[in-house]
Protein backbone atom coordinates (compact mmCIF):
# COMPACT_ATOMS: atom_id res chain seq x y z
CA MET A 1 17.34 14.27 -27.61
CA ALA A 2 17.08 17.69 -28.57
CA LYS A 3 20.36 19.33 -26.64
CA HIS A 4 22.27 16.56 -28.61
CA HIS A 5 20.76 17.99 -31.98
CA TYR A 6 20.89 21.35 -30.99
CA GLN A 7 25.20 20.72 -30.05
CA ARG A 8 24.95 18.93 -33.75
CA ILE A 9 23.76 22.14 -35.66
CA TRP A 10 25.29 25.07 -33.02
CA GLN A 11 29.24 23.39 -34.59
CA THR A 12 27.43 22.82 -37.82
CA VAL A 13 26.78 26.63 -38.34
CA LYS A 14 30.01 27.53 -36.74
CA GLN A 15 32.24 26.26 -39.69
CA ILE A 16 30.11 28.02 -42.27
CA PRO A 17 33.01 31.01 -43.21
CA ALA A 18 32.74 35.15 -42.63
CA GLY A 19 31.07 36.61 -45.71
CA LYS A 20 28.89 33.27 -46.52
CA VAL A 21 25.80 31.77 -46.23
CA ALA A 22 23.31 28.19 -45.57
CA SER A 23 19.79 27.71 -45.87
CA TYR A 24 18.35 26.12 -42.68
CA GLY A 25 17.57 23.11 -44.50
CA GLN A 26 21.09 22.87 -45.80
CA ILE A 27 22.69 23.09 -42.23
CA ALA A 28 19.97 20.08 -41.33
CA ASP A 29 21.22 18.53 -44.20
CA LEU A 30 24.85 19.16 -43.38
CA ALA A 31 24.19 18.08 -39.18
CA GLY A 32 23.22 15.09 -40.45
CA LEU A 33 19.51 15.85 -39.59
CA PRO A 34 17.78 16.03 -42.92
CA GLY A 35 14.70 17.59 -42.99
CA ARG A 36 14.94 18.88 -39.92
CA ALA A 37 15.07 23.01 -41.33
CA ARG A 38 12.79 24.48 -38.45
CA LEU A 39 14.49 22.17 -35.81
CA VAL A 40 17.65 24.43 -37.22
CA GLY A 41 16.20 27.77 -36.29
CA LYS A 42 14.50 26.45 -33.04
CA ALA A 43 18.18 25.23 -32.71
CA LEU A 44 19.68 29.07 -33.49
CA GLY A 45 16.99 30.91 -31.05
CA TYR A 46 18.49 28.76 -27.93
CA ALA A 47 22.00 29.24 -28.93
CA PRO A 48 23.53 30.14 -25.49
CA ALA A 49 25.88 33.68 -25.87
CA GLU A 50 29.06 31.54 -25.03
CA LEU A 51 29.02 30.56 -28.01
CA ALA A 52 29.48 33.16 -30.39
CA VAL A 53 26.94 31.21 -32.99
CA PRO A 54 26.96 33.60 -35.96
CA TRP A 55 22.94 32.62 -36.18
CA TYR A 56 22.38 35.60 -38.49
CA ARG A 57 24.81 33.54 -41.68
CA VAL A 58 21.47 31.41 -42.26
CA LEU A 59 18.71 32.09 -44.19
CA ARG A 60 15.13 30.95 -46.26
CA SER A 61 15.78 29.08 -48.66
CA ASP A 62 15.10 31.26 -51.33
CA ARG A 63 18.49 33.50 -50.13
CA SER A 64 16.39 35.58 -47.90
CA LEU A 65 16.79 37.16 -44.68
CA ALA A 66 15.70 34.64 -41.75
CA PHE A 67 13.48 37.31 -39.60
CA PRO A 68 9.75 39.87 -41.09
CA GLN A 69 11.58 43.02 -42.97
CA GLY A 70 11.83 45.90 -40.93
CA SER A 71 11.56 44.06 -37.67
CA ALA A 72 15.11 44.51 -35.74
CA THR A 73 16.22 41.14 -35.86
CA ALA A 74 15.90 41.42 -39.64
CA GLU A 75 17.87 44.56 -39.38
CA GLU A 76 20.42 42.67 -36.83
CA GLN A 77 21.11 40.13 -39.44
CA ARG A 78 21.47 42.96 -42.32
CA GLN A 79 23.68 44.19 -40.03
CA HIS A 80 26.18 41.86 -39.49
CA LEU A 81 25.72 40.50 -43.06
CA LEU A 82 26.63 43.80 -44.94
CA ALA A 83 29.82 44.17 -41.99
CA GLU A 84 30.99 40.72 -43.62
CA GLY A 85 30.71 42.41 -47.25
CA VAL A 86 27.80 39.66 -48.62
CA LEU A 87 25.56 41.71 -50.91
CA ILE A 88 21.31 42.05 -50.04
CA LYS A 89 19.08 43.45 -52.51
CA GLN A 90 15.96 43.53 -52.43
CA ASN A 91 15.67 41.00 -48.77
CA ARG A 92 17.91 38.74 -51.02
CA VAL A 93 21.52 37.24 -50.25
CA ASN A 94 23.79 36.99 -53.88
CA LYS A 95 23.83 33.15 -54.62
CA LYS A 96 27.61 33.96 -55.07
CA ASP A 97 27.34 34.33 -50.97
CA ILE A 98 26.60 30.40 -50.85
CA TRP A 99 28.93 28.51 -48.40
CA GLN A 100 29.43 25.12 -50.63
CA PRO A 101 31.66 23.36 -48.49
CA GLU A 102 34.85 21.78 -50.30
CA LEU A 103 35.04 18.05 -50.34
CA ALA A 104 37.95 18.34 -46.85
CA GLU A 105 35.70 20.76 -45.22
CA LEU A 106 33.18 17.79 -44.87
CA LEU A 107 35.26 15.74 -44.16
CA PHE A 108 37.70 17.26 -41.81
CA ASN A 109 35.46 19.89 -40.12
CA LEU A 110 32.29 18.96 -40.31
CA GLN A 111 31.47 16.08 -37.63
CA TYR A 112 28.10 14.74 -39.27
């Protein structure tokens, strides 16, 4: 059962455009798994490298980076986001960089 959920999460995260971010809860909702934000984090940790899931585009609900400040993973996430033009100030992403899928994306690109 969990593997099926992981696939849904990975496919949803892959829809986040470069230069945009989403929260764990938002991904859970869009993947048809409301209330399963923690599962999103777990699934991203298990994402196979060959799927190229842009895990770094997923943040906490307060728009802060998902990993402890100063950790190697937080720095990796920061570098990926900066390379895509995402603004980060005091470990938080600017509100303008939050992904708000349009109706066409919801209907045609997201499967859940």
